[in-house]
């Protein structure tokens, strides 16, 4: 049966899976892929790897991947008052944090409700009202009267905290909530598996749900070392330029189709990124045309995916970053259009079916 994109997105987005703690999401993804793949496993680091054996062993091995984890916080200190001090786990935007609802994991992997405290408005000095508080100055309140009650609940230093999971349908085909990045990329990946079940590709395809992307971008690299792909395609968000704050920076728009990234470069803390493999880029354009879809092209500094590292494996892996536009990235209210997610799956599946033994793997 065809997958129901909205139902699957809701299931995935409501699954708690802090970076490095993806077990719940991993089992949901494994369950979704088992009817569609020849074999599915969870590797030692926690990646989900689903294999579809190709019809031609001479064709390149293709790895399609999207990450399972979400950003959040780590418990840094538990005060005697029962309030919890935190540090960031991934790229948390500090200006959205005060008065936010969160979920706090204990040692058993159970999540407790909590809130990030905010100074009462009546007691806030005028000069403070327009300041952004550093994450290290904030505290999480789970309702415990003292430190002992926090410890009794199984919460310790090092436990993860995430935005309270949420999912909401907006007008048309748009959805909003936590971890659109990258649970909707996983929805597209399951859709790709469904399409390949209907027509077996020549290439062996490994579909990977990666861990720890928001932490250090290395989880999917471990999968690449066991899969040994010739080609790797990342499914992740791109930044939509259809809000007033980004309208002058990006051409990408919600609802206008999947995206292909020609250039990304982190530019902060690491000199790394990816320049699109030209053969894969041209293939994406031709397959989108064949599917009657548009492709939106994207380039930016400040973003990074695992392709930056996977391309350097073995003698070189041909890599392409593809995805779908999203608004409000890394906030609790990320937003995307499911038409773009479905279009992404259609184009990627078409690309895989077009790849054969003669596909040029070199950069030129």
Foldseek 3Di string as FASTA:
>chain_A
DADDLQVLLQVLLQFAAAFQRQVRNLVVLQVLCVVLAPDWDQDPSGKIKGKHAAPAPLFFEEEEEAASHAWFWFFADQAQQRKTFTDTQFDADQQQAAQFWKWWQFPVRHTAIKHKHDPDPVPDDPVCPPDGDHSRVIIICRPDRGRVVCVVVRHDGGTTMHGNRDWDDDPDQKIKFGPVWPSLLSSLLSSLSVVCSVPPANHMYMYMHFGNFRHPQCRVLVVCVVSVGQAYEYAGADAAQPDPVRVVPFPHHFPQAKEWEQWEAQPPPDGWADGAQVLLVVLLCVLCVVVVHDYGYDYDYNDHHSQRPNQPPDPGHRYIYMYFHWYPPNHRIIMHGVVRSNRRSSSVSSSRRPTGSPRDSDSD
